[in-house]
Amino acid sequence: MHIKNILKDMEKDNIQAYLLTQFTNIQYISNYKPTSFAFCIIKENPIIYASQMDMEIAKRDSSIEVREYEKFEIMIDDMKKEGIKNLAIEPSLVYSYYEKFRDDFEITSKNYIDKQRMIKDYSEIENIEKATEIAQTAFKELDVASRSENEDVLAFDLVRLMIENGASGESFDTILVSGANTSLPHAIPQSKPLETPILVDWGAKFNGYCSDNTRTIVYTEKQYEIFDIVREAHDKAIKAIKPGLKCCEIDKVSRDIITEYGYGDRFIHSTGHSLGLDIHETPGFSLRDKTIIEKGMVITVEPGIYLEGKFGVRIEDTIAIENKGRIIGNLPL
């Protein structure tokens, strides 16, 4: 179905072939995720040219034809024999690959694959829900608030618990930090004892699909004050989500609330991002994203306030968009 939809878009633009090299895009199309390199060419008879060391898993997993990659000239000659004259590429294609194709084909950059990946089908949402369930179970088992080990030890333990609960791994580098480090949105766990507050941003992978949550455990009166503002921005943004609105309108809901309390300049990232096979996909709840929200999108809501050198608070949940936004998982704030 994914390939059929992309072929329809290609036909509208009179594109004969579409080249993919990004690993998760190839996985999305074929169920085979390269470990080295691969070239997936979407056309009437799609094909993947895989490296020799990937051939066993490619033949095992791929739903489309696989050939062993030998050299560029052979791959290009195969395409020219089929009468292919124009070629669409992913915007992320590295320049060195582009150079190999540019003399033989009329090349244009297209986002066909991103458009397809915006909308998740039932099985994809099911995988994201399972990844979320695994991650949240691991977090509850860790019971970070009652532990006394260093940040980096606790982060390692959380990853271990996710794997023990069925994850293939973490969906990104786990953030488990405390004290002043919580004012850094992408802080790295340190070999130091926990301070307050404690911020945990973590996710699991299941069947290749990612989950993403953030919780901040607060202690002092000022920390609770900031937490309540972020929680209000989080809750009202989720309540506002529905198909037909623009993504930027959801960002505005959370940003306006934080701004009203005087912390607008301390909310230093977008309100959320899509996820799936990659932890960051499109669209996102940001000021500049005018994408229309549709059923089947899965997007995080994660407002935050960061007081430089003091502490930060972020709350994040993943939202499946149906008739309105539905929180995936059941982890209390």
Protein backbone atom coordinates (compact mmCIF):
# COMPACT_ATOMS: atom_id res chain seq x y z
CA MET A 1 0.00 0.00 0.00
CA HIS A 2 2.83 2.43 0.86
CA ILE A 3 4.48 1.92 -2.53
CA LYS A 4 1.16 2.22 -4.40
CA ASN A 5 0.46 5.60 -2.79
CA ILE A 6 3.95 6.87 -3.61
CA LEU A 7 3.63 5.67 -7.21
CA LYS A 8 0.39 7.67 -7.51
CA ASP A 9 2.18 10.81 -6.35
CA MET A 10 5.06 10.13 -8.74
CA GLU A 11 2.66 9.68 -11.65
CA LYS A 12 1.10 13.09 -10.96
CA ASP A 13 4.56 14.66 -11.25
CA ASN A 14 5.61 12.51 -14.22
CA ILE A 15 8.44 10.98 -12.15
CA GLN A 16 9.68 7.59 -13.36
CA ALA A 17 11.76 6.48 -10.36
CA TYR A 18 12.36 7.54 -6.77
CA LEU A 19 15.65 6.81 -4.98
CA LEU A 20 15.76 6.12 -1.23
CA THR A 21 18.92 5.62 0.84
CA GLN A 22 17.76 6.60 4.35
CA PHE A 23 17.59 3.41 6.40
CA THR A 24 14.20 3.96 8.03
CA ASN A 25 12.65 4.99 4.70
CA ILE A 26 13.82 1.72 3.16
CA GLN A 27 12.50 -0.14 6.21
CA TYR A 28 9.14 1.62 5.85
CA ILE A 29 8.84 0.54 2.22
CA SER A 30 10.20 -3.00 2.47
CA ASN A 31 10.44 -4.14 6.12
CA TYR A 32 14.21 -4.49 5.63
CA LYS A 33 16.42 -2.08 7.56
CA PRO A 34 19.96 -1.84 6.17
CA THR A 35 22.92 -2.18 8.48
CA SER A 36 25.51 -0.94 5.97
CA PHE A 37 24.14 0.86 2.89
CA ALA A 38 21.41 0.22 0.35
CA PHE A 39 19.70 1.87 -2.61
CA CYS A 40 15.94 1.42 -2.91
CA ILE A 41 14.47 2.45 -6.24
CA ILE A 42 10.71 2.86 -6.27
CA LYS A 43 9.22 2.30 -9.73
CA GLU A 44 6.65 -0.04 -11.26
CA ASN A 45 8.90 -2.96 -10.29
CA PRO A 46 10.68 -1.64 -7.16
CA ILE A 47 14.07 -3.01 -6.23
CA ILE A 48 16.68 -2.74 -3.50
CA TYR A 49 20.42 -2.95 -4.17
CA ALA A 50 21.87 -4.16 -0.85
CA SER A 51 25.48 -4.57 0.26
CA GLN A 52 26.93 -8.07 0.26
CA MET A 53 27.03 -8.28 4.04
CA ASP A 54 23.32 -7.38 4.22
CA MET A 55 22.08 -9.85 1.64
CA GLU A 56 21.03 -12.52 4.12
CA ILE A 57 18.83 -10.24 6.21
CA ALA A 58 17.62 -8.35 3.12
CA LYS A 59 16.40 -11.56 1.47
CA ARG A 60 14.86 -12.66 4.75
CA ASP A 61 13.02 -9.42 5.57
CA SER A 62 12.37 -7.49 2.36
CA SER A 63 8.92 -7.52 0.80
CA ILE A 64 10.36 -6.35 -2.54
CA GLU A 65 13.06 -7.69 -4.84
CA VAL A 66 16.65 -7.49 -3.60
CA ARG A 67 19.83 -7.60 -5.67
CA GLU A 68 23.39 -7.47 -4.45
CA TYR A 69 24.99 -4.08 -5.06
CA GLU A 70 28.12 -4.35 -7.22
CA LYS A 71 28.85 -0.83 -8.45
CA PHE A 72 27.06 2.36 -9.44
CA GLU A 73 27.55 1.79 -13.16
CA ILE A 74 25.59 -1.48 -13.09
CA MET A 75 22.74 0.03 -11.08
CA ILE A 76 22.54 3.06 -13.38
CA ASP A 77 22.71 0.87 -16.49
CA ASP A 78 19.82 -1.25 -15.15
CA MET A 79 17.69 1.88 -14.77
CA LYS A 80 18.59 3.24 -18.22
CA LYS A 81 17.67 -0.10 -19.83
CA GLU A 82 14.16 0.41 -18.39
CA GLY A 83 13.95 3.79 -20.10
CA ILE A 84 14.21 5.81 -16.89
CA LYS A 85 15.25 9.36 -17.67
CA ASN A 86 14.15 11.30 -14.60
CA LEU A 87 14.81 10.44 -10.98
CA ALA A 88 13.42 11.86 -7.74
CA ILE A 89 15.67 11.76 -4.67
CA GLU A 90 15.21 12.27 -0.94
CA PRO A 91 16.29 15.76 0.19
CA SER A 92 18.64 14.00 2.64
CA LEU A 93 20.62 12.23 -0.10
CA VAL A 94 24.32 12.85 0.44
CA TYR A 95 26.04 14.90 -2.24
CA SER A 96 28.55 12.20 -3.13
CA TYR A 97 25.66 9.91 -4.15
CA TYR A 98 23.94 12.73 -6.05
CA GLU A 99 27.12 13.19 -8.12
CA LYS A 100 26.92 9.56 -9.25
CA PHE A 101 23.43 9.99 -10.74
CA ARG A 102 23.32 13.57 -12.00
CA ASP A 103 24.98 12.97 -15.39
CA ASP A 104 22.57 10.21 -16.40
CA PHE A 105 19.19 11.44 -15.12
CA GLU A 106 17.15 14.57 -14.73
CA ILE A 107 17.06 14.84 -10.93
CA THR A 108 14.53 16.51 -8.64
CA SER A 109 14.17 16.44 -4.85
CA LYS A 110 10.84 15.15 -3.50
CA ASN A 111 9.29 14.41 -0.10
CA TYR A 112 6.97 11.62 -1.22
CA ILE A 113 8.09 9.31 1.56
CA ASP A 114 7.74 11.91 4.32
CA LYS A 115 4.18 12.59 3.18
CA GLN A 116 3.33 8.89 3.49
CA ARG A 117 5.01 8.49 6.86
CA MET A 118 3.02 11.37 8.38
CA ILE A 119 -0.07 9.16 8.58
CA LYS A 120 0.33 5.97 10.61
CA ASP A 121 -1.79 2.90 9.94
CA TYR A 122 -3.28 0.73 12.69
CA SER A 123 -0.25 -1.56 13.00
CA GLU A 124 2.15 1.36 13.26
CA ILE A 125 0.14 2.99 16.04
CA GLU A 126 -0.10 -0.40 17.75
CA ASN A 127 3.71 -0.67 17.70
CA ILE A 128 4.11 2.85 19.11
CA GLU A 129 1.61 2.02 21.86
CA LYS A 130 3.52 -1.14 22.74
CA ALA A 131 6.83 0.77 22.80
CA THR A 132 5.19 3.33 25.12
CA GLU A 133 3.81 0.61 27.38
CA ILE A 134 7.27 -0.97 27.68
CA ALA A 135 8.95 2.37 28.44
CA GLN A 136 6.39 3.38 31.04
CA THR A 137 6.52 -0.01 32.77
CA ALA A 138 10.31 0.29 32.99
CA PHE A 139 10.03 3.79 34.45
CA LYS A 140 7.64 2.59 37.16
CA GLU A 141 9.94 -0.31 37.99
CA LEU A 142 12.92 2.03 38.28
CA ASP A 143 11.12 4.21 40.87
CA VAL A 144 13.73 6.91 40.37
CA ALA A 145 12.51 9.13 43.22
CA SER A 146 13.53 6.53 45.81
CA ARG A 147 16.95 5.67 44.33
CA SER A 148 20.28 7.16 45.41
CA GLU A 149 22.67 6.16 42.60
CA ASN A 150 24.32 8.62 40.22
CA GLU A 151 22.43 9.97 37.20
CA ASP A 152 24.35 7.87 34.67
CA VAL A 153 23.79 4.64 36.63
CA LEU A 154 20.05 5.27 36.82
CA ALA A 155 19.90 6.09 33.10
CA PHE A 156 21.67 2.79 32.35
CA ASP A 157 19.25 0.92 34.63
CA LEU A 158 16.25 2.45 32.86
CA VAL A 159 17.55 1.26 29.48
CA ARG A 160 18.17 -2.20 30.93
CA LEU A 161 14.62 -2.36 32.30
CA MET A 162 13.16 -1.36 28.92
CA ILE A 163 15.06 -4.19 27.24
CA GLU A 164 14.00 -6.65 29.95
CA ASN A 165 10.39 -5.63 29.32
CA GLY A 166 10.61 -6.34 25.58
CA ALA A 167 12.23 -3.33 23.90
CA SER A 168 14.88 -3.84 21.22
CA GLY A 169 16.66 -0.82 22.73
CA GLU A 170 16.19 2.82 23.63
CA SER A 171 14.68 5.06 20.95
CA PHE A 172 17.22 7.83 21.72
CA ASP A 173 19.91 8.48 24.32
CA THR A 174 18.09 8.44 27.65
CA ILE A 175 18.10 11.75 29.51
CA LEU A 176 18.02 11.30 33.30
CA VAL A 177 19.36 14.44 34.93
CA SER A 178 18.83 16.52 38.04
CA GLY A 179 19.42 19.90 39.64
CA ALA A 180 20.74 22.67 37.38
CA ASN A 181 21.26 20.19 34.52
CA THR A 182 17.47 20.06 34.04
CA SER A 183 17.64 23.55 32.52
CA LEU A 184 19.41 21.97 29.51
CA PRO A 185 16.79 20.34 27.24
CA HIS A 186 19.30 17.76 25.91
CA ALA A 187 21.46 17.32 29.00
CA ILE A 188 23.66 14.23 29.34
CA PRO A 189 23.47 12.15 32.55
CA GLN A 190 26.48 12.76 34.77
CA SER A 191 28.41 10.63 37.22
CA LYS A 192 27.02 12.61 40.14
CA PRO A 193 24.41 12.03 42.85
CA LEU A 194 20.80 13.03 42.18
CA GLU A 195 19.74 16.53 43.11
CA THR A 196 16.35 18.20 42.69
CA PRO A 197 14.34 18.40 40.53
CA ILE A 198 14.78 15.17 38.53
CA LEU A 199 13.95 15.15 34.81
CA VAL A 200 13.65 11.93 32.82
CA ASP A 201 13.16 11.92 29.02
CA TRP A 202 13.18 8.36 27.71
CA GLY A 203 11.73 6.03 25.10
CA ALA A 204 11.74 2.42 23.94
CA LYS A 205 11.84 0.79 20.52
CA PHE A 206 9.46 -2.02 19.59
CA ASN A 207 9.37 -3.56 16.09
CA GLY A 208 11.41 -0.56 14.98
CA TYR A 209 8.92 2.03 16.31
CA CYS A 210 9.75 4.65 18.92
CA SER A 211 8.11 5.96 22.06
CA ASP A 212 8.84 9.24 23.87
CA ASN A 213 7.85 10.54 27.30
CA THR A 214 9.22 13.09 29.75
CA ARG A 215 8.47 13.46 33.44
CA THR A 216 9.88 15.98 35.91
CA ILE A 217 9.83 15.19 39.62
CA VAL A 218 9.70 18.44 41.61
CA TYR A 219 10.27 19.16 45.29
CA THR A 220 10.42 22.86 46.19
CA GLU A 221 7.70 25.50 46.10
CA LYS A 222 9.27 27.26 43.11
CA GLN A 223 9.64 23.98 41.24
CA TYR A 224 5.97 23.17 41.85
CA GLU A 225 5.02 26.65 40.60
CA ILE A 226 6.83 26.09 37.29
CA PHE A 227 5.52 22.52 37.06
CA ASP A 228 1.92 23.72 37.34
CA ILE A 229 2.43 26.22 34.49
CA VAL A 230 3.97 23.58 32.23
CA ARG A 231 1.23 21.12 33.13
CA GLU A 232 -1.45 23.65 32.19
CA ALA A 233 0.26 24.29 28.83
CA HIS A 234 0.59 20.52 28.27
CA ASP A 235 -3.04 19.71 29.16
CA LYS A 236 -4.64 22.57 27.22
CA ALA A 237 -2.55 21.90 24.12
CA ILE A 238 -3.68 18.26 24.10
CA LYS A 239 -7.29 19.26 24.66
CA ALA A 240 -7.07 21.63 21.65
CA ILE A 241 -5.82 18.99 19.20
CA LYS A 242 -8.26 17.95 16.50
CA PRO A 243 -8.12 17.22 12.76
CA GLY A 244 -8.42 20.29 10.56
CA LEU A 245 -6.36 22.66 12.69
CA LYS A 246 -2.83 23.68 11.75
CA CYS A 247 0.09 22.32 13.74
CA CYS A 248 1.22 25.87 14.54
CA GLU A 249 -2.11 26.54 16.25
CA ILE A 250 -1.37 23.86 18.86
CA ASP A 251 2.07 25.32 19.48
CA LYS A 252 0.41 28.69 20.03
CA VAL A 253 -1.93 27.29 22.67
CA SER A 254 0.89 26.03 24.89
CA ARG A 255 3.22 28.94 24.12
CA ASP A 256 0.58 31.57 24.92
CA ILE A 257 -0.08 30.03 28.34
CA ILE A 258 3.59 29.99 29.28
CA THR A 259 3.99 33.54 27.95
CA GLU A 260 1.04 34.77 30.04
CA TYR A 261 2.86 33.62 33.16
CA GLY A 262 5.96 35.56 32.10
CA TYR A 263 8.14 32.67 30.93
CA GLY A 264 7.70 32.88 27.17
CA ASP A 265 11.42 33.46 26.60
CA ARG A 266 12.18 30.36 28.69
CA PHE A 267 10.21 28.02 26.43
CA ILE A 268 13.04 27.44 24.00
CA HIS A 269 11.85 24.65 21.68
CA SER A 270 8.75 23.63 19.77
CA THR A 271 5.74 22.08 21.49
CA GLY A 272 6.17 18.67 19.88
CA HIS A 273 7.31 16.42 17.04
CA SER A 274 6.00 13.41 15.17
CA LEU A 275 7.60 10.04 15.75
CA GLY A 276 7.49 6.57 14.23
CA LEU A 277 10.43 4.60 12.86
CA ASP A 278 12.49 7.72 13.67
CA ILE A 279 12.24 9.61 16.94
CA HIS A 280 11.85 12.90 15.05
CA GLU A 281 9.56 12.95 12.04
CA THR A 282 7.24 15.48 10.43
CA PRO A 283 5.01 17.31 11.05
CA GLY A 284 5.55 18.99 14.42
CA PHE A 285 3.75 21.38 16.70
CA SER A 286 5.92 24.42 16.00
CA LEU A 287 5.35 28.09 15.22
CA ARG A 288 6.32 27.64 11.57
CA ASP A 289 4.61 24.33 10.76
CA LYS A 290 1.35 25.01 8.92
CA THR A 291 0.63 21.33 8.20
CA ILE A 292 -3.05 20.47 8.64
CA ILE A 293 -3.60 17.95 11.42
CA GLU A 294 -5.06 14.66 10.16
CA LYS A 295 -6.29 11.45 11.69
CA GLY A 296 -3.48 8.92 11.96
CA MET A 297 -0.77 11.42 12.87
CA VAL A 298 1.20 10.68 16.05
CA ILE A 299 2.79 13.78 17.60
CA THR A 300 4.27 14.55 21.01
CA VAL A 301 3.24 17.44 23.24
CA GLU A 302 6.19 18.56 25.39
CA PRO A 303 6.14 22.16 26.65
CA GLY A 304 8.92 23.19 28.99
CA ILE A 305 10.31 26.08 31.00
CA TYR A 306 14.08 26.33 31.51
CA LEU A 307 15.55 28.69 34.10
CA GLU A 308 19.20 28.96 33.16
CA GLY A 309 21.59 27.74 35.86
CA LYS A 310 18.71 26.85 38.19
CA PHE A 311 16.39 24.13 36.91
CA GLY A 312 13.95 23.20 34.16
CA VAL A 313 10.60 21.42 33.88
CA ARG A 314 9.30 19.50 30.87
CA ILE A 315 6.26 17.23 30.57
CA GLU A 316 5.83 15.10 27.47
CA ASP A 317 3.25 12.66 26.19
CA THR A 318 2.71 11.12 22.78
CA ILE A 319 -0.65 11.82 21.14
CA ALA A 320 -2.47 9.68 18.59
CA ILE A 321 -4.81 11.88 16.58
CA GLU A 322 -8.27 10.43 16.01
CA ASN A 323 -11.38 12.62 16.25
CA LYS A 324 -9.29 14.50 18.81
CA GLY A 325 -5.96 13.94 20.52
CA ARG A 326 -5.60 10.72 22.55
CA ILE A 327 -2.70 10.24 24.96
CA ILE A 328 -0.82 7.01 24.30
CA GLY A 329 -0.06 5.26 27.58
CA ASN A 330 -1.32 5.85 31.09
CA LEU A 331 1.59 7.28 33.04
CA PRO A 332 0.45 9.84 35.66
CA LEU A 333 2.01 13.29 35.61
